[in-house]
């Protein structure tokens, strides 16, 4: 059965690639979308950080280099491209990815925040920031619109995979 995911809003800012959107997780009254608990959603977001090859097309491998109580550092391999990043975890609330400037890769951040405006009403807010300057050329606008669309689709797919993992029972117990 195909699980549905609904993106409830998108916001575009005038800075290049400062982009945020909100994805509704539990949709009351829609029997096609099984509700997820906050804990299972959290485990799914952490699994995306620890095992991103399950979620990201084109990612060949991911190695966790070091762990602390606050998160971990990773090395990801996309073909010949190596990306080093840091993942910061705020338990059951937020996963923050920080990619420092490295070679041809500019600094960027992705923050995934679980929001619960009412008990059981869960959303995930995805926030992207590439820290680019304030001016936006027409070519950059086209490229950034394309990236926004790709990120939105990838984030919808992230929630789809989390739902699939929950259905398979892979989010029933705490992660190691």
N, C-alpha and C. Protein backbone atom coordinates (compact mmCIF):
# COMPACT_ATOMS: atom_id res chain seq x y z
N UNK A 1 0.84 -1.17 0.00
CA UNK A 1 0.00 0.00 0.00
C UNK A 1 0.88 1.24 0.00
N UNK A 2 0.54 2.21 -0.78
CA UNK A 2 1.28 3.46 -0.86
C UNK A 2 0.85 4.34 0.31
N UNK A 3 1.82 4.85 1.04
CA UNK A 3 1.53 5.75 2.15
C UNK A 3 1.61 7.19 1.64
N UNK A 4 0.66 7.99 2.02
CA UNK A 4 0.61 9.37 1.57
C UNK A 4 1.34 10.27 2.55
N UNK A 5 1.94 11.32 2.02
CA UNK A 5 2.60 12.34 2.82
C UNK A 5 2.09 13.67 2.29
N UNK A 6 1.81 14.59 3.17
CA UNK A 6 1.28 15.87 2.74
C UNK A 6 2.18 17.00 3.21
N UNK A 7 2.59 17.82 2.27
CA UNK A 7 3.35 19.02 2.60
C UNK A 7 2.33 20.13 2.78
N UNK A 8 2.28 20.74 3.97
CA UNK A 8 1.22 21.69 4.23
C UNK A 8 1.59 23.12 3.88
N UNK A 9 2.86 23.44 3.80
CA UNK A 9 3.21 24.81 3.41
C UNK A 9 4.66 24.89 3.00
N UNK A 10 4.94 25.88 2.18
CA UNK A 10 6.31 26.17 1.77
C UNK A 10 6.53 27.67 1.90
N UNK A 11 7.71 28.04 2.34
CA UNK A 11 8.05 29.45 2.48
C UNK A 11 9.36 29.67 1.74
N UNK A 12 9.40 30.70 0.91
CA UNK A 12 10.61 31.03 0.19
C UNK A 12 11.10 32.38 0.67
N UNK A 13 12.37 32.49 0.93
CA UNK A 13 12.96 33.73 1.39
C UNK A 13 13.82 34.31 0.27
N UNK A 14 14.15 35.59 0.37
CA UNK A 14 14.86 36.24 -0.72
C UNK A 14 16.35 35.92 -0.72
N UNK A 15 16.93 35.41 0.34
CA UNK A 15 18.33 35.01 0.30
C UNK A 15 18.44 33.73 -0.51
N UNK A 16 19.51 33.59 -1.27
CA UNK A 16 19.68 32.32 -1.99
C UNK A 16 19.69 31.15 -1.00
N UNK A 17 18.85 30.22 -1.25
CA UNK A 17 18.74 28.94 -0.55
C UNK A 17 18.62 29.04 0.96
N UNK A 18 17.87 29.97 1.43
CA UNK A 18 17.35 29.88 2.79
C UNK A 18 15.90 29.50 2.57
N UNK A 19 15.58 28.26 2.89
CA UNK A 19 14.32 27.65 2.48
C UNK A 19 13.79 26.80 3.61
N UNK A 20 12.50 26.89 3.87
CA UNK A 20 11.91 26.06 4.91
C UNK A 20 10.54 25.57 4.44
N UNK A 21 10.19 24.39 4.87
CA UNK A 21 8.84 23.88 4.63
C UNK A 21 8.45 22.94 5.77
N UNK A 22 7.17 22.71 5.88
CA UNK A 22 6.59 21.94 6.97
C UNK A 22 5.85 20.75 6.37
N UNK A 23 6.12 19.56 6.88
CA UNK A 23 5.42 18.37 6.42
C UNK A 23 4.60 17.82 7.58
N UNK A 24 3.30 17.67 7.32
CA UNK A 24 2.38 17.13 8.32
C UNK A 24 2.56 15.62 8.38
N UNK A 25 2.73 15.10 9.59
CA UNK A 25 2.97 13.67 9.77
C UNK A 25 1.68 12.93 10.05
N UNK A 26 0.91 13.39 11.02
CA UNK A 26 -0.35 12.75 11.37
C UNK A 26 -1.49 13.61 10.85
N UNK A 27 -2.34 13.01 10.05
CA UNK A 27 -3.46 13.74 9.43
C UNK A 27 -4.76 13.16 10.00
N UNK A 28 -5.31 13.81 11.02
CA UNK A 28 -6.55 13.30 11.63
C UNK A 28 -7.65 13.15 10.58
N UNK A 29 -8.38 12.07 10.67
CA UNK A 29 -9.49 11.84 9.76
C UNK A 29 -9.12 11.23 8.42
N UNK A 30 -7.83 11.00 8.17
CA UNK A 30 -7.42 10.37 6.91
C UNK A 30 -6.96 8.95 7.22
N UNK A 31 -7.78 7.95 6.93
CA UNK A 31 -7.43 6.57 7.27
C UNK A 31 -6.29 6.01 6.42
N UNK A 32 -5.91 6.71 5.35
CA UNK A 32 -4.80 6.23 4.51
C UNK A 32 -3.43 6.53 5.12
N UNK A 33 -3.41 7.42 6.09
CA UNK A 33 -2.13 7.79 6.72
C UNK A 33 -2.15 7.35 8.17
N UNK A 34 -1.42 6.26 8.45
CA UNK A 34 -1.34 5.74 9.82
C UNK A 34 -0.56 6.74 10.68
N UNK A 35 -1.08 7.08 11.86
CA UNK A 35 -0.36 8.02 12.71
C UNK A 35 0.94 7.42 13.23
N UNK A 36 1.94 8.28 13.38
CA UNK A 36 3.22 7.89 13.97
C UNK A 36 3.33 8.54 15.34
N UNK A 37 3.94 7.83 16.28
CA UNK A 37 4.22 8.43 17.58
C UNK A 37 5.43 9.35 17.43
N UNK A 38 5.55 10.27 18.36
CA UNK A 38 6.71 11.18 18.35
C UNK A 38 8.01 10.38 18.43
N UNK A 39 8.01 9.32 19.27
CA UNK A 39 9.23 8.52 19.45
C UNK A 39 9.61 7.79 18.15
N UNK A 40 8.64 7.22 17.44
CA UNK A 40 8.96 6.54 16.19
C UNK A 40 9.44 7.54 15.13
N UNK A 41 8.79 8.70 15.09
CA UNK A 41 9.24 9.75 14.15
C UNK A 41 10.68 10.15 14.48
N UNK A 42 10.97 10.35 15.77
CA UNK A 42 12.32 10.71 16.20
C UNK A 42 13.32 9.62 15.78
N UNK A 43 12.99 8.37 16.05
CA UNK A 43 13.89 7.26 15.67
C UNK A 43 14.13 7.25 14.16
N UNK A 44 13.10 7.55 13.40
CA UNK A 44 13.25 7.61 11.94
C UNK A 44 14.17 8.73 11.50
N UNK A 45 14.05 9.90 12.12
CA UNK A 45 14.94 11.02 11.77
C UNK A 45 16.39 10.71 12.16
N UNK A 46 16.57 10.06 13.32
CA UNK A 46 17.93 9.67 13.73
C UNK A 46 18.47 8.60 12.78
N UNK A 47 17.63 7.65 12.38
CA UNK A 47 18.07 6.62 11.44
C UNK A 47 18.50 7.25 10.12
N UNK A 48 17.79 8.30 9.67
CA UNK A 48 18.19 9.00 8.45
C UNK A 48 19.60 9.57 8.59
N UNK A 49 19.92 10.04 9.79
CA UNK A 49 21.26 10.60 10.02
C UNK A 49 22.31 9.50 10.15
N UNK A 50 21.98 8.41 10.82
CA UNK A 50 22.96 7.34 11.05
C UNK A 50 23.10 6.39 9.87
N UNK A 51 22.03 6.19 9.12
CA UNK A 51 22.05 5.26 7.98
C UNK A 51 21.45 5.93 6.74
N UNK A 52 22.06 7.01 6.28
CA UNK A 52 21.47 7.80 5.20
C UNK A 52 21.38 7.08 3.86
N UNK A 53 22.11 5.99 3.69
CA UNK A 53 22.02 5.26 2.42
C UNK A 53 20.62 4.68 2.21
N UNK A 54 19.84 4.52 3.29
CA UNK A 54 18.46 4.06 3.17
C UNK A 54 17.56 5.16 2.60
N UNK A 55 18.01 6.41 2.69
CA UNK A 55 17.16 7.55 2.37
C UNK A 55 17.63 8.35 1.16
N UNK A 56 18.91 8.39 0.90
CA UNK A 56 19.45 9.29 -0.13
C UNK A 56 19.94 8.53 -1.35
N UNK A 57 19.31 8.78 -2.48
CA UNK A 57 19.74 8.18 -3.74
C UNK A 57 21.07 8.82 -4.13
N UNK A 58 22.00 8.01 -4.58
CA UNK A 58 23.30 8.52 -5.01
C UNK A 58 24.36 8.50 -3.93
N UNK A 59 23.97 8.23 -2.70
CA UNK A 59 24.95 8.14 -1.61
C UNK A 59 25.49 6.71 -1.59
N UNK A 60 26.80 6.57 -1.81
CA UNK A 60 27.42 5.25 -1.86
C UNK A 60 27.69 4.68 -0.48
N UNK A 61 28.16 5.52 0.43
CA UNK A 61 28.48 5.04 1.77
C UNK A 61 28.49 6.19 2.76
N UNK A 62 28.36 5.83 4.04
CA UNK A 62 28.44 6.80 5.12
C UNK A 62 29.14 6.13 6.29
N UNK A 63 30.14 6.80 6.78
CA UNK A 63 30.90 6.28 7.92
C UNK A 63 30.82 7.29 9.06
N UNK A 64 30.44 6.81 10.24
CA UNK A 64 30.42 7.69 11.41
C UNK A 64 31.83 7.69 11.97
N UNK A 65 32.42 8.88 12.03
CA UNK A 65 33.83 9.03 12.42
C UNK A 65 34.02 9.18 13.92
N UNK A 66 33.12 9.90 14.57
CA UNK A 66 33.25 10.14 16.01
C UNK A 66 31.87 10.45 16.58
N UNK A 67 31.66 10.04 17.84
CA UNK A 67 30.38 10.30 18.53
C UNK A 67 30.63 11.06 19.82
N UNK A 68 29.67 11.92 20.15
CA UNK A 68 29.63 12.58 21.45
C UNK A 68 28.21 12.44 21.96
N UNK A 69 27.94 12.94 23.16
CA UNK A 69 26.57 12.91 23.67
C UNK A 69 25.65 13.78 22.83
N UNK A 70 26.20 14.80 22.19
CA UNK A 70 25.39 15.75 21.42
C UNK A 70 25.19 15.35 19.96
N UNK A 71 25.95 14.35 19.48
CA UNK A 71 25.80 13.97 18.07
C UNK A 71 27.00 13.22 17.56
N UNK A 72 27.28 13.40 16.25
CA UNK A 72 28.40 12.67 15.64
C UNK A 72 28.87 13.36 14.37
N UNK A 73 30.06 12.98 13.95
CA UNK A 73 30.65 13.45 12.69
C UNK A 73 30.62 12.30 11.71
N UNK A 74 30.40 12.64 10.42
CA UNK A 74 30.28 11.60 9.39
C UNK A 74 31.15 11.94 8.19
N UNK A 75 31.44 10.87 7.44
CA UNK A 75 32.07 11.00 6.13
C UNK A 75 31.14 10.28 5.15
N UNK A 76 30.64 11.03 4.17
CA UNK A 76 29.73 10.47 3.17
C UNK A 76 30.43 10.45 1.82
N UNK A 77 30.18 9.40 1.08
CA UNK A 77 30.81 9.22 -0.23
C UNK A 77 29.74 9.19 -1.31
N UNK A 78 29.77 10.19 -2.19
CA UNK A 78 28.89 10.27 -3.36
C UNK A 78 29.79 10.09 -4.57
N UNK A 79 30.01 8.84 -5.00
CA UNK A 79 30.97 8.61 -6.09
C UNK A 79 32.33 9.13 -5.67
N UNK A 80 32.95 9.99 -6.49
CA UNK A 80 34.27 10.52 -6.14
C UNK A 80 34.22 11.67 -5.13
N UNK A 81 33.03 12.17 -4.82
CA UNK A 81 32.88 13.31 -3.92
C UNK A 81 32.74 12.84 -2.47
N UNK A 82 33.60 13.37 -1.60
CA UNK A 82 33.54 13.09 -0.17
C UNK A 82 33.00 14.32 0.55
N UNK A 83 32.03 14.11 1.41
CA UNK A 83 31.44 15.20 2.19
C UNK A 83 31.57 14.86 3.66
N UNK A 84 32.20 15.75 4.41
CA UNK A 84 32.31 15.62 5.86
C UNK A 84 31.27 16.53 6.48
N UNK A 85 30.55 16.03 7.48
CA UNK A 85 29.57 16.87 8.16
C UNK A 85 29.45 16.48 9.62
N UNK A 86 28.70 17.29 10.35
CA UNK A 86 28.46 17.06 11.77
C UNK A 86 26.95 17.02 11.98
N UNK A 87 26.49 16.06 12.76
CA UNK A 87 25.07 15.92 13.08
C UNK A 87 24.91 16.18 14.57
N UNK A 88 24.05 17.14 14.90
CA UNK A 88 23.77 17.48 16.30
C UNK A 88 22.34 17.04 16.60
N UNK A 89 22.17 16.32 17.71
CA UNK A 89 20.87 15.78 18.08
C UNK A 89 20.35 16.45 19.34
N UNK A 90 19.11 16.90 19.29
CA UNK A 90 18.42 17.40 20.47
C UNK A 90 17.26 16.42 20.67
N UNK A 91 17.41 15.52 21.63
CA UNK A 91 16.54 14.35 21.77
C UNK A 91 15.06 14.65 21.56
N UNK A 92 14.46 13.86 20.67
CA UNK A 92 13.03 13.88 20.36
C UNK A 92 12.53 15.22 19.84
N UNK A 93 13.46 16.11 19.47
CA UNK A 93 13.06 17.44 19.02
C UNK A 93 13.68 17.83 17.70
N UNK A 94 15.02 17.68 17.58
CA UNK A 94 15.69 18.28 16.43
C UNK A 94 16.94 17.51 16.02
N UNK A 95 17.14 17.42 14.69
CA UNK A 95 18.37 16.91 14.09
C UNK A 95 18.93 18.04 13.24
N UNK A 96 20.16 18.44 13.51
CA UNK A 96 20.79 19.53 12.77
C UNK A 96 22.03 19.01 12.08
N UNK A 97 22.10 19.17 10.76
CA UNK A 97 23.25 18.78 9.96
C UNK A 97 24.03 20.04 9.62
N UNK A 98 25.33 20.02 9.87
CA UNK A 98 26.18 21.15 9.50
C UNK A 98 27.31 20.64 8.61
N UNK A 99 27.38 21.19 7.40
CA UNK A 99 28.46 20.88 6.47
C UNK A 99 29.39 22.08 6.46
N UNK A 100 30.61 21.95 7.01
CA UNK A 100 31.54 23.07 6.96
C UNK A 100 32.10 23.23 5.54
N UNK A 101 32.59 24.43 5.24
CA UNK A 101 33.24 24.68 3.95
C UNK A 101 34.38 23.66 3.78
N UNK A 102 34.43 23.01 2.62
CA UNK A 102 35.48 22.04 2.33
C UNK A 102 35.67 21.96 0.82
N UNK A 103 36.88 22.18 0.38
CA UNK A 103 37.21 22.16 -1.05
C UNK A 103 36.18 22.95 -1.84
N UNK A 104 35.49 22.31 -2.79
CA UNK A 104 34.50 23.00 -3.63
C UNK A 104 33.12 23.04 -3.00
N UNK A 105 32.96 22.51 -1.79
CA UNK A 105 31.66 22.45 -1.14
C UNK A 105 31.51 23.64 -0.19
N UNK A 106 30.48 24.47 -0.40
CA UNK A 106 30.28 25.60 0.52
C UNK A 106 29.63 25.15 1.82
N UNK A 107 29.76 25.97 2.85
CA UNK A 107 29.12 25.68 4.13
C UNK A 107 27.61 25.66 3.94
N UNK A 108 26.94 24.72 4.64
CA UNK A 108 25.48 24.67 4.59
C UNK A 108 24.95 24.00 5.85
N UNK A 109 23.66 24.21 6.10
CA UNK A 109 22.99 23.63 7.25
C UNK A 109 21.61 23.12 6.84
N UNK A 110 21.21 22.02 7.48
CA UNK A 110 19.86 21.49 7.37
C UNK A 110 19.41 21.18 8.79
N UNK A 111 18.24 21.70 9.16
CA UNK A 111 17.68 21.42 10.47
C UNK A 111 16.31 20.80 10.28
N UNK A 112 16.08 19.66 10.96
CA UNK A 112 14.79 18.99 10.95
C UNK A 112 14.26 19.06 12.38
N UNK A 113 13.12 19.75 12.54
CA UNK A 113 12.56 19.96 13.87
C UNK A 113 11.17 19.35 13.95
N UNK A 114 10.95 18.53 14.97
CA UNK A 114 9.62 17.98 15.22
C UNK A 114 8.80 19.05 15.95
N UNK A 115 7.63 19.35 15.41
CA UNK A 115 6.73 20.31 16.04
C UNK A 115 5.42 19.58 16.38
N UNK A 116 4.87 19.91 17.56
CA UNK A 116 3.63 19.28 18.01
C UNK A 116 2.73 20.35 18.62
N UNK A 117 2.00 21.09 17.75
CA UNK A 117 1.17 22.18 18.25
C UNK A 117 0.02 21.71 19.16
N UNK A 118 -0.41 20.46 18.98
CA UNK A 118 -1.42 19.83 19.83
C UNK A 118 -0.97 18.39 20.04
N UNK A 119 -1.36 17.77 21.14
CA UNK A 119 -0.95 16.37 21.36
C UNK A 119 -1.31 15.49 20.16
N UNK A 120 -0.30 14.79 19.64
CA UNK A 120 -0.49 13.88 18.52
C UNK A 120 -0.46 14.53 17.14
N UNK A 121 -0.54 15.86 17.08
CA UNK A 121 -0.49 16.58 15.80
C UNK A 121 0.98 16.85 15.50
N UNK A 122 1.62 15.96 14.77
CA UNK A 122 3.06 16.06 14.52
C UNK A 122 3.36 16.61 13.14
N UNK A 123 4.38 17.45 13.08
CA UNK A 123 4.91 18.03 11.85
C UNK A 123 6.42 17.95 11.92
N UNK A 124 7.07 17.95 10.77
CA UNK A 124 8.52 18.12 10.72
C UNK A 124 8.80 19.36 9.88
N UNK A 125 9.53 20.29 10.47
CA UNK A 125 9.96 21.50 9.76
C UNK A 125 11.38 21.25 9.24
N UNK A 126 11.57 21.40 7.93
CA UNK A 126 12.86 21.26 7.28
C UNK A 126 13.36 22.65 6.94
N UNK A 127 14.55 23.01 7.42
CA UNK A 127 15.12 24.34 7.15
C UNK A 127 16.50 24.17 6.53
N UNK A 128 16.68 24.78 5.37
CA UNK A 128 17.94 24.73 4.63
C UNK A 128 18.55 26.12 4.59
N UNK A 129 19.86 26.19 4.73
CA UNK A 129 20.57 27.47 4.61
C UNK A 129 21.95 27.20 4.05
N UNK A 130 22.24 27.79 2.88
CA UNK A 130 23.58 27.61 2.30
C UNK A 130 24.50 28.79 2.59
N UNK A 131 24.01 29.74 3.42
CA UNK A 131 24.81 30.88 3.87
C UNK A 131 25.34 31.72 2.73
N UNK A 132 24.66 31.71 1.59
CA UNK A 132 25.09 32.52 0.44
C UNK A 132 24.81 33.99 0.73
N UNK A 133 25.39 34.83 -0.08
CA UNK A 133 25.22 36.28 0.06
C UNK A 133 23.79 36.72 -0.20
N UNK A 134 23.54 38.00 -0.04
CA UNK A 134 22.19 38.56 -0.14
C UNK A 134 21.70 38.73 -1.58
N UNK A 135 22.58 38.89 -2.55
CA UNK A 135 22.14 39.15 -3.92
C UNK A 135 21.86 37.86 -4.67
N UNK A 136 20.83 37.89 -5.50
CA UNK A 136 20.44 36.69 -6.23
C UNK A 136 20.32 37.04 -7.71
N UNK A 137 21.16 36.44 -8.55
CA UNK A 137 21.09 36.61 -9.99
C UNK A 137 19.98 35.73 -10.55
N UNK A 138 19.54 36.00 -11.78
CA UNK A 138 18.48 35.21 -12.39
C UNK A 138 18.88 33.74 -12.50
N UNK A 139 20.13 33.46 -12.91
CA UNK A 139 20.59 32.06 -13.03
C UNK A 139 20.57 31.38 -11.66
N UNK A 140 20.97 32.09 -10.61
CA UNK A 140 20.94 31.52 -9.27
C UNK A 140 19.51 31.25 -8.83
N UNK A 141 18.58 32.15 -9.19
CA UNK A 141 17.18 31.95 -8.84
C UNK A 141 16.66 30.66 -9.47
N UNK A 142 16.94 30.44 -10.73
CA UNK A 142 16.50 29.22 -11.41
C UNK A 142 17.10 28.00 -10.71
N UNK A 143 18.40 28.04 -10.45
CA UNK A 143 19.08 26.93 -9.79
C UNK A 143 18.50 26.69 -8.39
N UNK A 144 18.27 27.76 -7.63
CA UNK A 144 17.74 27.62 -6.28
C UNK A 144 16.31 27.11 -6.29
N UNK A 145 15.51 27.53 -7.25
CA UNK A 145 14.15 27.00 -7.37
C UNK A 145 14.20 25.49 -7.63
N UNK A 146 15.13 25.07 -8.48
CA UNK A 146 15.30 23.65 -8.75
C UNK A 146 15.71 22.91 -7.48
N UNK A 147 16.68 23.47 -6.73
CA UNK A 147 17.12 22.84 -5.48
C UNK A 147 15.99 22.76 -4.47
N UNK A 148 15.21 23.82 -4.34
CA UNK A 148 14.09 23.81 -3.40
C UNK A 148 13.13 22.67 -3.72
N UNK A 149 12.84 22.52 -5.00
CA UNK A 149 11.94 21.45 -5.44
C UNK A 149 12.53 20.07 -5.14
N UNK A 150 13.82 19.91 -5.42
CA UNK A 150 14.48 18.63 -5.15
C UNK A 150 14.52 18.34 -3.65
N UNK A 151 14.81 19.34 -2.83
CA UNK A 151 14.83 19.14 -1.38
C UNK A 151 13.45 18.77 -0.86
N UNK A 152 12.42 19.45 -1.36
CA UNK A 152 11.06 19.13 -0.93
C UNK A 152 10.72 17.68 -1.26
N UNK A 153 11.02 17.25 -2.46
CA UNK A 153 10.74 15.86 -2.84
C UNK A 153 11.55 14.88 -2.00
N UNK A 154 12.82 15.20 -1.72
CA UNK A 154 13.65 14.32 -0.88
C UNK A 154 13.10 14.24 0.54
N UNK A 155 12.59 15.35 1.06
CA UNK A 155 12.06 15.36 2.42
C UNK A 155 10.74 14.59 2.50
N UNK A 156 9.90 14.72 1.49
CA UNK A 156 8.68 13.92 1.43
C UNK A 156 9.05 12.44 1.37
N UNK A 157 10.09 12.12 0.60
CA UNK A 157 10.55 10.73 0.52
C UNK A 157 11.11 10.26 1.86
N UNK A 158 11.79 11.14 2.60
CA UNK A 158 12.29 10.79 3.94
C UNK A 158 11.14 10.33 4.83
N UNK A 159 10.05 11.09 4.84
CA UNK A 159 8.91 10.72 5.67
C UNK A 159 8.28 9.42 5.16
N UNK A 160 8.24 9.22 3.85
CA UNK A 160 7.72 7.97 3.29
C UNK A 160 8.55 6.78 3.78
N UNK A 161 9.88 6.91 3.76
CA UNK A 161 10.75 5.81 4.22
C UNK A 161 10.57 5.58 5.72
N UNK A 162 10.44 6.65 6.50
CA UNK A 162 10.21 6.49 7.94
C UNK A 162 8.91 5.73 8.18
N UNK A 163 7.86 6.05 7.43
CA UNK A 163 6.59 5.32 7.56
C UNK A 163 6.77 3.84 7.21
N UNK A 164 7.52 3.58 6.14
CA UNK A 164 7.78 2.20 5.72
C UNK A 164 8.54 1.45 6.82
N UNK A 165 9.57 2.08 7.38
CA UNK A 165 10.34 1.45 8.46
C UNK A 165 9.46 1.19 9.68
N UNK A 166 8.55 2.13 10.00
CA UNK A 166 7.63 1.94 11.12
C UNK A 166 6.70 0.77 10.86
N UNK A 167 6.17 0.68 9.64
CA UNK A 167 5.28 -0.44 9.28
C UNK A 167 5.99 -1.78 9.40
N UNK A 168 7.29 -1.79 9.11
CA UNK A 168 8.09 -3.02 9.18
C UNK A 168 8.56 -3.32 10.60
N UNK A 169 8.25 -2.45 11.56
CA UNK A 169 8.66 -2.66 12.95
C UNK A 169 10.10 -2.27 13.24
N UNK A 170 10.77 -1.62 12.30
CA UNK A 170 12.17 -1.27 12.50
C UNK A 170 12.37 -0.07 13.40
N UNK A 171 11.29 0.62 13.77
CA UNK A 171 11.40 1.77 14.67
C UNK A 171 10.77 1.49 16.03
N UNK A 172 10.47 0.22 16.31
CA UNK A 172 9.83 -0.15 17.56
C UNK A 172 10.75 -0.10 18.77
N UNK A 173 12.03 -0.33 18.58
CA UNK A 173 12.96 -0.31 19.71
C UNK A 173 14.00 0.77 19.51
N UNK A 174 14.56 1.26 20.63
CA UNK A 174 15.56 2.33 20.55
C UNK A 174 16.75 1.93 19.68
N UNK A 175 17.35 2.94 19.04
CA UNK A 175 18.52 2.71 18.21
C UNK A 175 19.73 2.42 19.07
N UNK A 176 20.65 1.63 18.53
CA UNK A 176 21.87 1.29 19.27
C UNK A 176 22.82 2.44 19.26
